[in-house]
């Protein structure tokens, strides 16, 4: 939520009307987020029916979001949901991987990755913001998947600690994560089906995907290495040209040349991949 506000206050066409919180109702936003002095608002806790806004960002945990999103839609707001509640076209897949009954399977959302669905996003009433890992995994895979150059993809992602949320835990305790690299949710991470579903919409639709995340001792950012098993011999120059052409009109996806490598420091705090 804090990062979302940082982005929105710099948008020339956005006026932040409400910042909601049950726990911090009545507290100045800048008291919790000192970098957001320009947000002259207090946290409030209105009923969904009282929220009068063109767009509502739901930054709630999965499970909680699906209970409120229909009410915002009924109010006439467009909704951008940051949870995983509406990312899957088949609610049964969601229920299998999140172990939660989907109480609004009738709602259809647009998967909010602009490099795939820019035109659909423009007119959508409900947008499901992509997960953190799937964003890099999908973008790094699309050109070779759509051109049917690949059979299997192994995604190896390293993530900073802030992705785990604001509440401390044994996993994010400093002595546990400092000077350490820890794989987790091996073969069972709920972002795996999200990556698979989006990639299966391209090319032949039968690419096999394996995904393993790792926690590393940095605050924020994700570095994803995409191990792609190509069907045919393809030169590095051919791959570069393919990606450069694919993303030439995408301002937030940078294709590096001259053997430069992606770095966390190159994108941290930016909107870039």
Protein backbone atom coordinates (compact mmCIF):
# COMPACT_ATOMS: atom_id res chain seq x y z
CA UNK A 1 0.00 0.00 0.00
CA UNK A 2 2.79 2.43 0.82
CA UNK A 3 4.56 1.72 -2.45
CA UNK A 4 1.29 2.14 -4.33
CA UNK A 5 0.82 5.60 -2.80
CA UNK A 6 4.38 6.55 -3.75
CA UNK A 7 3.56 5.77 -7.37
CA UNK A 8 0.16 7.44 -7.36
CA UNK A 9 1.19 10.79 -5.86
CA UNK A 10 3.47 11.31 -8.87
CA UNK A 11 0.70 10.54 -11.38
CA UNK A 12 -0.68 13.75 -12.93
CA UNK A 13 -4.21 12.37 -13.30
CA UNK A 14 -4.65 10.75 -9.89
CA UNK A 15 -6.10 12.24 -6.72
CA UNK A 16 -5.90 9.92 -3.70
CA UNK A 17 -9.22 10.21 -1.87
CA UNK A 18 -9.07 7.44 0.75
CA UNK A 19 -6.31 5.41 2.37
CA UNK A 20 -7.98 2.69 4.39
CA UNK A 21 -6.77 0.72 7.38
CA UNK A 22 -8.61 -0.99 10.21
CA UNK A 23 -5.66 -0.99 12.58
CA UNK A 24 -4.42 2.56 11.90
CA UNK A 25 -7.70 4.43 11.55
CA UNK A 26 -7.22 8.13 12.37
CA UNK A 27 -3.42 8.03 12.04
CA UNK A 28 -1.68 10.35 9.56
CA UNK A 29 -0.40 8.45 6.52
CA UNK A 30 2.97 10.23 6.83
CA UNK A 31 3.35 8.95 10.40
CA UNK A 32 3.66 5.41 9.07
CA UNK A 33 5.24 6.35 5.73
CA UNK A 34 7.58 9.32 6.38
CA UNK A 35 8.49 9.47 2.68
CA UNK A 36 4.86 10.32 1.84
CA UNK A 37 4.61 13.81 3.34
CA UNK A 38 2.69 14.87 0.21
CA UNK A 39 -0.19 12.54 1.13
CA UNK A 40 -2.18 14.87 3.36
CA UNK A 41 -4.57 12.18 4.55
CA UNK A 42 -5.37 10.08 7.57
CA UNK A 43 -6.09 6.38 7.45
CA UNK A 44 -9.83 5.76 7.51
CA UNK A 45 -12.04 2.70 7.75
CA UNK A 46 -15.18 3.36 5.69
CA UNK A 47 -17.76 0.77 4.76
CA UNK A 48 -17.30 -0.32 1.12
CA UNK A 49 -20.67 1.21 0.26
CA UNK A 50 -19.36 4.60 1.46
CA UNK A 51 -16.35 4.63 -0.87
CA UNK A 52 -16.97 7.00 -3.77
CA UNK A 53 -14.03 6.64 -6.18
CA UNK A 54 -13.39 6.12 -9.87
CA UNK A 55 -10.81 3.43 -9.13
CA UNK A 56 -10.29 1.32 -6.01
CA UNK A 57 -6.97 -0.45 -5.40
CA UNK A 58 -7.49 -3.45 -3.17
CA UNK A 59 -4.21 -4.17 -1.38
CA UNK A 60 -5.71 -6.81 0.89
CA UNK A 61 -4.47 -10.38 1.46
CA UNK A 62 -5.90 -13.16 -0.69
CA UNK A 63 -9.20 -14.38 0.70
CA UNK A 64 -10.04 -10.98 2.19
CA UNK A 65 -10.08 -9.19 -1.13
CA UNK A 66 -12.77 -11.30 -2.80
CA UNK A 67 -15.21 -10.42 -0.01
CA UNK A 68 -15.04 -6.67 -0.71
CA UNK A 69 -14.29 -6.37 -4.43
CA UNK A 70 -17.91 -7.09 -5.52
CA UNK A 71 -19.14 -4.27 -3.27
CA UNK A 72 -16.74 -1.77 -4.85
CA UNK A 73 -17.84 -2.91 -8.31
CA UNK A 74 -21.49 -2.47 -7.34
CA UNK A 75 -20.64 1.10 -6.32
CA UNK A 76 -19.54 1.79 -9.88
CA UNK A 77 -15.80 1.80 -9.18
CA UNK A 78 -13.26 0.05 -11.32
CA UNK A 79 -11.13 -2.24 -9.17
CA UNK A 80 -7.45 -3.15 -9.40
CA UNK A 81 -6.92 -6.09 -7.06
CA UNK A 82 -3.39 -6.74 -5.83
CA UNK A 83 -4.18 -10.13 -4.26
CA UNK A 84 -4.28 -13.47 -6.02
CA UNK A 85 -8.05 -13.81 -5.74
CA UNK A 86 -8.92 -13.04 -9.36
CA UNK A 87 -5.79 -13.98 -11.31
CA UNK A 88 -7.03 -17.33 -12.59
CA UNK A 89 -9.56 -17.91 -15.33
CA UNK A 90 -10.63 -21.12 -13.55
CA UNK A 91 -11.60 -20.59 -9.87
CA UNK A 92 -10.95 -24.30 -9.25
CA UNK A 93 -7.23 -23.72 -9.89
CA UNK A 94 -7.28 -20.92 -7.34
CA UNK A 95 -9.01 -23.14 -4.78
CA UNK A 96 -6.49 -25.94 -5.32
CA UNK A 97 -3.38 -23.77 -4.85
CA UNK A 98 -4.68 -21.30 -2.25
CA UNK A 99 -6.80 -23.77 -0.24
CA UNK A 100 -9.64 -21.25 -0.06
CA UNK A 101 -13.16 -21.50 -1.46
CA UNK A 102 -13.72 -18.82 -4.07
CA UNK A 103 -16.97 -17.15 -3.09
CA UNK A 104 -17.31 -15.10 -6.30
CA UNK A 105 -16.38 -17.40 -9.20
CA UNK A 106 -18.77 -15.46 -11.43
CA UNK A 107 -16.47 -12.42 -11.53
CA UNK A 108 -14.08 -12.31 -14.47
CA UNK A 109 -10.96 -10.17 -14.32
CA UNK A 110 -8.37 -9.11 -16.87
CA UNK A 111 -4.84 -10.25 -15.99
CA UNK A 112 -3.18 -6.89 -15.48
CA UNK A 113 0.12 -7.32 -17.29
CA UNK A 114 0.09 -4.50 -19.88
CA UNK A 115 2.62 -6.21 -22.14
CA UNK A 116 -0.04 -8.88 -22.70
CA UNK A 117 -3.40 -7.19 -22.10
CA UNK A 118 -2.95 -3.44 -22.54
CA UNK A 119 -6.07 -2.96 -24.66
CA UNK A 120 -8.24 -5.17 -22.43
CA UNK A 121 -7.02 -3.36 -19.31
CA UNK A 122 -8.22 -0.01 -20.67
CA UNK A 123 -11.88 -1.04 -20.59
CA UNK A 124 -11.86 -3.56 -17.72
CA UNK A 125 -13.93 -3.08 -14.58
CA UNK A 126 -11.84 -5.64 -12.65
CA UNK A 127 -8.10 -6.01 -13.12
CA UNK A 128 -6.08 -8.71 -11.36
CA UNK A 129 -2.61 -7.35 -10.72
CA UNK A 130 0.02 -10.01 -11.55
CA UNK A 131 2.00 -11.65 -8.81
CA UNK A 132 5.57 -10.51 -8.18
CA UNK A 133 7.38 -13.63 -9.42
CA UNK A 134 5.09 -14.20 -12.43
CA UNK A 135 5.79 -10.70 -13.75
CA UNK A 136 9.48 -11.38 -14.42
CA UNK A 137 8.94 -15.04 -15.25
CA UNK A 138 6.29 -14.32 -17.88
CA UNK A 139 8.05 -11.35 -19.46
CA UNK A 140 11.32 -13.27 -19.75
CA UNK A 141 9.52 -16.19 -21.39
CA UNK A 142 6.97 -14.64 -23.76
CA UNK A 143 9.10 -14.07 -26.89
CA UNK A 144 10.49 -17.60 -27.04
CA UNK A 145 7.18 -19.21 -26.03
CA UNK A 146 5.13 -17.29 -28.58
CA UNK A 147 7.65 -18.18 -31.31
CA UNK A 148 7.57 -21.84 -30.21
CA UNK A 149 11.32 -22.07 -29.65
CA UNK A 150 11.16 -23.80 -26.30
CA UNK A 151 9.93 -27.05 -24.71
CA UNK A 152 10.77 -26.51 -21.05
CA UNK A 153 11.46 -23.52 -18.83
CA UNK A 154 12.99 -23.57 -15.35
CA UNK A 155 12.45 -20.35 -13.40
CA UNK A 156 14.92 -19.62 -10.58
CA UNK A 157 14.00 -16.46 -8.66
CA UNK A 158 15.76 -14.64 -5.83
CA UNK A 159 13.60 -12.24 -3.81
CA UNK A 160 14.08 -9.63 -1.13
CA UNK A 161 12.57 -9.89 2.35
CA UNK A 162 9.96 -7.12 2.01
CA UNK A 163 7.89 -9.35 -0.28
CA UNK A 164 6.90 -11.35 2.81
CA UNK A 165 4.86 -8.40 4.12
CA UNK A 166 4.99 -6.13 7.13
CA UNK A 167 4.59 -8.74 9.90
CA UNK A 168 7.89 -10.26 11.09
CA UNK A 169 8.23 -14.03 11.26
CA UNK A 170 10.80 -16.69 12.04
CA UNK A 171 11.62 -16.87 8.33
CA UNK A 172 12.27 -13.12 8.01
CA UNK A 173 14.03 -12.75 11.38
CA UNK A 174 17.40 -11.06 10.74
CA UNK A 175 19.66 -13.84 12.12
CA UNK A 176 17.79 -16.36 9.96
CA UNK A 177 17.87 -14.57 6.62
CA UNK A 178 21.12 -12.56 6.88
CA UNK A 179 24.14 -14.18 5.16
CA UNK A 180 21.84 -16.88 3.88
CA UNK A 181 19.94 -18.01 0.79
CA UNK A 182 16.83 -20.07 1.42
CA UNK A 183 14.68 -21.88 -1.16
CA UNK A 184 11.05 -22.21 -0.16
CA UNK A 185 7.69 -23.58 -1.36
CA UNK A 186 9.61 -26.01 -3.55
CA UNK A 187 7.32 -27.48 -6.25
CA UNK A 188 4.33 -25.97 -4.45
CA UNK A 189 4.51 -22.17 -4.80
CA UNK A 190 1.12 -20.73 -5.74
CA UNK A 191 2.67 -18.48 -8.40
CA UNK A 192 3.56 -21.55 -10.47
CA UNK A 193 0.05 -22.08 -11.94
CA UNK A 194 -0.19 -18.34 -12.60
CA UNK A 195 2.96 -18.47 -14.74
CA UNK A 196 1.77 -21.63 -16.49
CA UNK A 197 -1.69 -20.27 -17.30
CA UNK A 198 -0.41 -17.10 -18.92
CA UNK A 199 2.31 -18.86 -20.95
CA UNK A 200 -0.13 -21.51 -22.11
CA UNK A 201 -2.10 -18.76 -23.83
CA UNK A 202 0.82 -18.30 -26.23
CA UNK A 203 2.56 -20.45 -28.82
CA UNK A 204 1.65 -24.12 -28.82
CA UNK A 205 0.44 -23.97 -25.22
CA UNK A 206 2.34 -27.07 -24.09
CA UNK A 207 5.51 -25.59 -22.56
CA UNK A 208 6.49 -27.21 -19.25
CA UNK A 209 7.31 -24.77 -16.46
CA UNK A 210 9.17 -25.38 -13.19
CA UNK A 211 9.54 -22.59 -10.63
CA UNK A 212 11.51 -22.27 -7.39
CA UNK A 213 11.85 -19.04 -5.36
CA UNK A 214 14.69 -18.24 -2.97
CA UNK A 215 14.82 -15.70 -0.15
CA UNK A 216 18.00 -13.60 -0.17
CA UNK A 217 19.19 -11.02 2.39
CA UNK A 218 18.17 -7.85 0.56
CA UNK A 219 15.17 -5.65 1.33
CA UNK A 220 13.47 -5.54 -2.05
CA UNK A 221 13.69 -6.62 -5.66
CA UNK A 222 13.54 -9.89 -7.60
CA UNK A 223 16.20 -11.37 -9.85
CA UNK A 224 14.87 -14.16 -12.07
CA UNK A 225 17.05 -16.50 -14.09
CA UNK A 226 15.14 -18.17 -16.90
CA UNK A 227 16.69 -21.50 -17.94
CA UNK A 228 15.08 -22.18 -21.33
CA UNK A 229 15.53 -25.51 -23.08
CA UNK A 230 15.33 -24.59 -26.75
CA UNK A 231 14.11 -26.92 -29.47
CA UNK A 232 16.72 -25.77 -32.01
CA UNK A 233 20.09 -24.08 -32.04
CA UNK A 234 19.61 -20.33 -31.80
CA UNK A 235 22.42 -17.79 -31.59
CA UNK A 236 22.69 -15.23 -28.82
CA UNK A 237 22.29 -12.51 -31.45
CA UNK A 238 19.07 -14.10 -32.69
CA UNK A 239 17.70 -14.21 -29.15
CA UNK A 240 18.64 -10.59 -28.51
CA UNK A 241 17.02 -9.45 -31.75
CA UNK A 242 13.87 -11.43 -30.96
CA UNK A 243 13.51 -9.83 -27.50
CA UNK A 244 14.45 -6.34 -28.70
CA UNK A 245 11.78 -6.47 -31.40
CA UNK A 246 9.17 -7.99 -29.07
CA UNK A 247 9.55 -5.29 -26.43
CA UNK A 248 10.50 -2.30 -28.62
CA UNK A 249 7.25 -0.47 -27.78
CA UNK A 250 7.12 -1.47 -24.12
CA UNK A 251 8.52 1.36 -21.99
CA UNK A 252 8.90 -0.64 -18.77
CA UNK A 253 10.61 -3.76 -20.16
CA UNK A 254 14.28 -3.14 -20.95
CA UNK A 255 16.24 -5.54 -23.16
CA UNK A 256 19.95 -5.29 -22.33
CA UNK A 257 22.63 -5.55 -25.01
CA UNK A 258 26.43 -5.89 -25.16
CA UNK A 259 26.30 -8.77 -22.65
CA UNK A 260 25.11 -6.50 -19.85
CA UNK A 261 23.46 -8.35 -16.99
CA UNK A 262 20.28 -7.39 -15.11
CA UNK A 263 20.88 -6.15 -11.59
CA UNK A 264 18.55 -5.48 -8.66
CA UNK A 265 20.09 -2.04 -8.29
CA UNK A 266 19.07 -1.22 -11.86
CA UNK A 267 15.33 -1.57 -11.20
CA UNK A 268 14.79 -1.18 -7.44
CA UNK A 269 12.25 1.57 -6.77
CA UNK A 270 11.44 1.87 -10.47
CA UNK A 271 8.66 0.51 -12.66
CA UNK A 272 11.12 -1.36 -14.85
CA UNK A 273 11.77 -4.99 -15.61
